[in-house]
């Protein structure tokens, strides 16, 4: 079998160099054909090399790795993108999977383990760090049992869900702040988080997503 052709994208060159050194011991299985530390370079490198798998971080220089994941998959839906990050956060995992990522791994992964995961991804599987996978299983079980708040499956916290329900009801930020007995700035912060997680830019779009997804039905 030919080695898996891999592009590595991370905002720290030292991380890229470390991954390349680690994977050099498995040259028969994985070949690093490109690298980048920022969004524009990453897009150019991926387009120019057409790798089997793209390995990228959640955060890049001046950009979001998740936004880059979305763009890479928009350009080539069949492309396999795996998130490799230090962020042990299931909400990032949920966002990545909703975007179409083929995996979510933590940077503590060892060389042989990473190679195995990349081989699974090329074969069409979804790979998730074992620790996070356990949490996701518990989350899914509780969600199925109705033990979570509306919108939890989209990554909303309980307070964000509460704020969104009031947005859907037509309340202004000030009215929401008064109802929840918090500051206007706190509400604005929650609304921004809701926008980010629902991948929208304005109030009407958030309401539309909430209604379409049946969050409060």
Protein backbone atom coordinates (compact mmCIF):
# COMPACT_ATOMS: atom_id res chain seq x y z
CA UNK A 1 0.00 0.00 0.00
CA UNK A 2 1.12 3.57 -0.70
CA UNK A 3 1.78 5.79 2.34
CA UNK A 4 -1.05 8.04 3.46
CA UNK A 5 -0.39 11.53 2.08
CA UNK A 6 -0.82 13.97 4.96
CA UNK A 7 -0.90 17.76 5.31
CA UNK A 8 -0.30 19.14 8.82
CA UNK A 9 -1.78 22.53 9.80
CA UNK A 10 -0.96 24.10 13.16
CA UNK A 11 -0.21 27.64 14.30
CA UNK A 12 2.98 26.50 16.06
CA UNK A 13 5.88 25.42 13.86
CA UNK A 14 7.35 23.46 16.76
CA UNK A 15 4.23 21.28 16.82
CA UNK A 16 4.47 20.65 13.08
CA UNK A 17 8.15 19.77 13.38
CA UNK A 18 7.40 17.44 16.28
CA UNK A 19 4.67 15.64 14.35
CA UNK A 20 6.91 15.28 11.31
CA UNK A 21 9.71 13.85 13.45
CA UNK A 22 7.31 11.45 15.14
CA UNK A 23 5.80 10.30 11.86
CA UNK A 24 9.20 9.93 10.17
CA UNK A 25 9.54 6.66 12.09
CA UNK A 26 6.49 5.42 10.17
CA UNK A 27 7.50 6.59 6.69
CA UNK A 28 6.19 3.42 5.12
CA UNK A 29 2.69 4.27 6.38
CA UNK A 30 2.47 8.09 6.36
CA UNK A 31 4.13 10.77 4.23
CA UNK A 32 3.85 14.44 5.21
CA UNK A 33 3.42 16.19 1.86
CA UNK A 34 2.67 19.70 3.14
CA UNK A 35 2.39 21.98 6.14
CA UNK A 36 1.00 25.40 7.07
CA UNK A 37 0.60 27.68 10.07
CA UNK A 38 -2.12 30.00 8.75
CA UNK A 39 -5.40 29.76 6.82
CA UNK A 40 -4.37 31.13 3.44
CA UNK A 41 -1.21 29.04 3.24
CA UNK A 42 -3.17 26.00 4.36
CA UNK A 43 -5.75 26.39 1.58
CA UNK A 44 -3.01 26.78 -1.03
CA UNK A 45 -1.04 23.79 0.26
CA UNK A 46 -4.07 21.50 0.43
CA UNK A 47 -5.24 22.52 -3.04
CA UNK A 48 -1.73 22.00 -4.39
CA UNK A 49 -1.04 18.60 -2.83
CA UNK A 50 -4.52 17.01 -2.66
CA UNK A 51 -3.64 14.92 0.42
CA UNK A 52 -5.48 11.86 1.67
CA UNK A 53 -5.89 13.42 5.11
CA UNK A 54 -5.58 16.94 6.55
CA UNK A 55 -4.56 17.18 10.21
CA UNK A 56 -5.39 20.56 11.73
CA UNK A 57 -5.68 22.37 15.05
CA UNK A 58 -8.81 24.04 16.41
CA UNK A 59 -7.02 27.41 16.49
CA UNK A 60 -4.75 28.97 13.89
CA UNK A 61 -3.02 32.32 13.47
CA UNK A 62 -5.84 34.83 13.27
CA UNK A 63 -8.36 32.18 12.24
CA UNK A 64 -10.47 29.27 13.43
CA UNK A 65 -9.43 25.75 12.55
CA UNK A 66 -13.10 24.77 12.54
CA UNK A 67 -13.84 27.47 9.97
CA UNK A 68 -10.96 26.15 7.89
CA UNK A 69 -12.37 22.63 8.24
CA UNK A 70 -15.67 23.88 6.85
CA UNK A 71 -13.93 25.55 3.91
CA UNK A 72 -11.78 22.53 3.09
CA UNK A 73 -14.83 20.27 3.03
CA UNK A 74 -16.83 22.80 1.02
CA UNK A 75 -14.13 22.70 -1.65
CA UNK A 76 -13.83 18.91 -1.58
CA UNK A 77 -16.60 17.09 0.36
CA UNK A 78 -14.79 13.76 0.06
CA UNK A 79 -11.71 15.13 1.80
CA UNK A 80 -10.79 13.60 5.16
CA UNK A 81 -10.08 16.20 7.85
CA UNK A 82 -8.95 15.26 11.37
CA UNK A 83 -8.76 17.79 14.20
CA UNK A 84 -5.68 17.45 16.42
CA UNK A 85 -5.78 19.74 19.44
CA UNK A 86 -4.92 20.26 23.10
CA UNK A 87 -8.51 21.26 23.87
CA UNK A 88 -10.13 18.43 25.81
CA UNK A 89 -13.59 19.83 25.13
CA UNK A 90 -16.51 17.83 23.80
CA UNK A 91 -18.16 20.99 22.47
CA UNK A 92 -15.29 21.46 20.02
CA UNK A 93 -15.72 17.79 19.14
CA UNK A 94 -19.44 18.22 18.43
CA UNK A 95 -18.77 21.28 16.27
CA UNK A 96 -16.07 19.46 14.31
CA UNK A 97 -18.26 16.43 13.67
CA UNK A 98 -21.19 18.61 12.59
CA UNK A 99 -18.88 20.23 10.05
CA UNK A 100 -17.96 16.82 8.67
CA UNK A 101 -14.57 16.17 10.29
CA UNK A 102 -13.44 12.56 10.15
CA UNK A 103 -11.82 12.63 13.56
CA UNK A 104 -11.00 14.52 16.73
CA UNK A 105 -7.77 13.64 18.53
CA UNK A 106 -5.76 15.15 21.37
CA UNK A 107 -2.10 16.07 21.01
CA UNK A 108 -1.04 13.52 23.60
CA UNK A 109 -1.49 10.83 20.91
CA UNK A 110 1.58 8.69 20.23
CA UNK A 111 3.10 8.02 16.82
CA UNK A 112 1.93 4.47 16.21
CA UNK A 113 -1.50 5.34 17.60
CA UNK A 114 -1.79 8.35 15.29
CA UNK A 115 -0.80 6.25 12.29
CA UNK A 116 -3.48 3.73 13.20
CA UNK A 117 -6.09 6.46 13.46
CA UNK A 118 -5.08 7.90 10.07
CA UNK A 119 -5.39 4.47 8.50
CA UNK A 120 -8.88 4.09 9.98
CA UNK A 121 -9.86 7.50 8.60
CA UNK A 122 -8.65 6.62 5.11
CA UNK A 123 -10.77 3.47 5.33
CA UNK A 124 -13.84 5.61 6.02
CA UNK A 125 -14.10 5.44 9.81
CA UNK A 126 -14.57 8.29 12.30
CA UNK A 127 -11.89 8.42 15.01
CA UNK A 128 -12.30 10.09 18.40
CA UNK A 129 -9.89 10.29 21.32
CA UNK A 130 -10.79 7.51 23.73
CA UNK A 131 -11.35 9.85 26.69
CA UNK A 132 -13.69 12.08 24.75
CA UNK A 133 -15.45 9.10 23.19
CA UNK A 134 -16.45 7.92 26.66
CA UNK A 135 -17.87 11.32 27.52
CA UNK A 136 -19.75 11.50 24.24
CA UNK A 137 -21.31 8.12 24.92
CA UNK A 138 -22.52 9.33 28.32
CA UNK A 139 -23.77 12.57 26.79
CA UNK A 140 -25.71 10.67 24.11
CA UNK A 141 -27.26 8.35 26.68
CA UNK A 142 -28.40 11.26 28.85
CA UNK A 143 -29.67 13.18 25.86
CA UNK A 144 -31.67 10.15 24.72
CA UNK A 145 -33.13 9.88 28.22
CA UNK A 146 -34.17 13.53 28.10
CA UNK A 147 -31.78 14.54 30.86
CA UNK A 148 -30.35 17.53 28.99
CA UNK A 149 -31.71 20.97 28.18
CA UNK A 150 -32.99 22.01 24.71
CA UNK A 151 -30.11 22.71 22.32
CA UNK A 152 -27.56 20.67 24.28
CA UNK A 153 -27.00 18.49 21.22
CA UNK A 154 -25.88 21.63 19.36
CA UNK A 155 -23.35 22.51 22.04
CA UNK A 156 -25.40 25.10 23.91
CA UNK A 157 -24.89 25.42 27.64
CA UNK A 158 -27.97 25.49 29.85
CA UNK A 159 -27.77 29.29 30.23
CA UNK A 160 -27.23 29.76 26.47
CA UNK A 161 -30.30 27.64 25.83
CA UNK A 162 -32.27 29.79 28.25
CA UNK A 163 -31.08 32.98 26.52
CA UNK A 164 -31.92 31.57 23.08
CA UNK A 165 -35.45 30.68 24.23
CA UNK A 166 -35.96 34.32 25.23
CA UNK A 167 -34.52 35.52 21.93
CA UNK A 168 -37.02 33.27 20.13
CA UNK A 169 -39.75 34.78 22.32
CA UNK A 170 -38.80 38.19 20.95
CA UNK A 171 -37.15 39.73 24.01
CA UNK A 172 -34.40 42.32 23.58
CA UNK A 173 -31.00 41.88 25.23
CA UNK A 174 -31.98 44.38 27.91
CA UNK A 175 -35.25 42.57 28.60
CA UNK A 176 -33.40 39.26 28.81
CA UNK A 177 -30.91 40.77 31.25
CA UNK A 178 -33.72 42.01 33.45
CA UNK A 179 -35.53 38.67 33.36
CA UNK A 180 -32.40 36.66 34.20
CA UNK A 181 -31.09 39.29 36.64
CA UNK A 182 -27.74 39.63 34.90
CA UNK A 183 -25.92 42.49 33.17
CA UNK A 184 -26.49 43.52 29.56
CA UNK A 185 -22.87 42.56 28.79
CA UNK A 186 -23.42 39.07 30.16
CA UNK A 187 -26.41 38.60 27.87
CA UNK A 188 -24.41 39.93 24.89
CA UNK A 189 -21.68 37.41 25.69
CA UNK A 190 -24.20 34.55 25.78
CA UNK A 191 -25.81 35.71 22.53
CA UNK A 192 -22.41 35.80 20.81
CA UNK A 193 -21.73 32.26 22.02
CA UNK A 194 -25.12 31.13 20.69
CA UNK A 195 -24.38 32.70 17.30
CA UNK A 196 -21.01 30.96 17.15
CA UNK A 197 -22.39 27.55 18.06
CA UNK A 198 -25.39 27.81 15.72
CA UNK A 199 -23.08 29.22 13.02
CA UNK A 200 -25.18 32.33 12.43
CA UNK A 201 -24.47 36.07 12.40
CA UNK A 202 -27.68 37.70 13.57
CA UNK A 203 -30.77 37.33 15.72
CA UNK A 204 -33.20 36.34 12.97
CA UNK A 205 -30.87 33.56 11.81
CA UNK A 206 -30.57 32.21 15.35
CA UNK A 207 -34.35 32.14 15.66
CA UNK A 208 -34.62 30.39 12.30
CA UNK A 209 -32.14 27.69 13.32
CA UNK A 210 -33.90 27.20 16.67
CA UNK A 211 -37.22 26.71 14.92
CA UNK A 212 -35.81 24.53 12.15
CA UNK A 213 -34.03 22.27 14.64
CA UNK A 214 -37.12 22.11 16.85
CA UNK A 215 -35.05 23.09 19.87
CA UNK A 216 -38.01 24.37 21.86
CA UNK A 217 -40.76 22.23 20.39
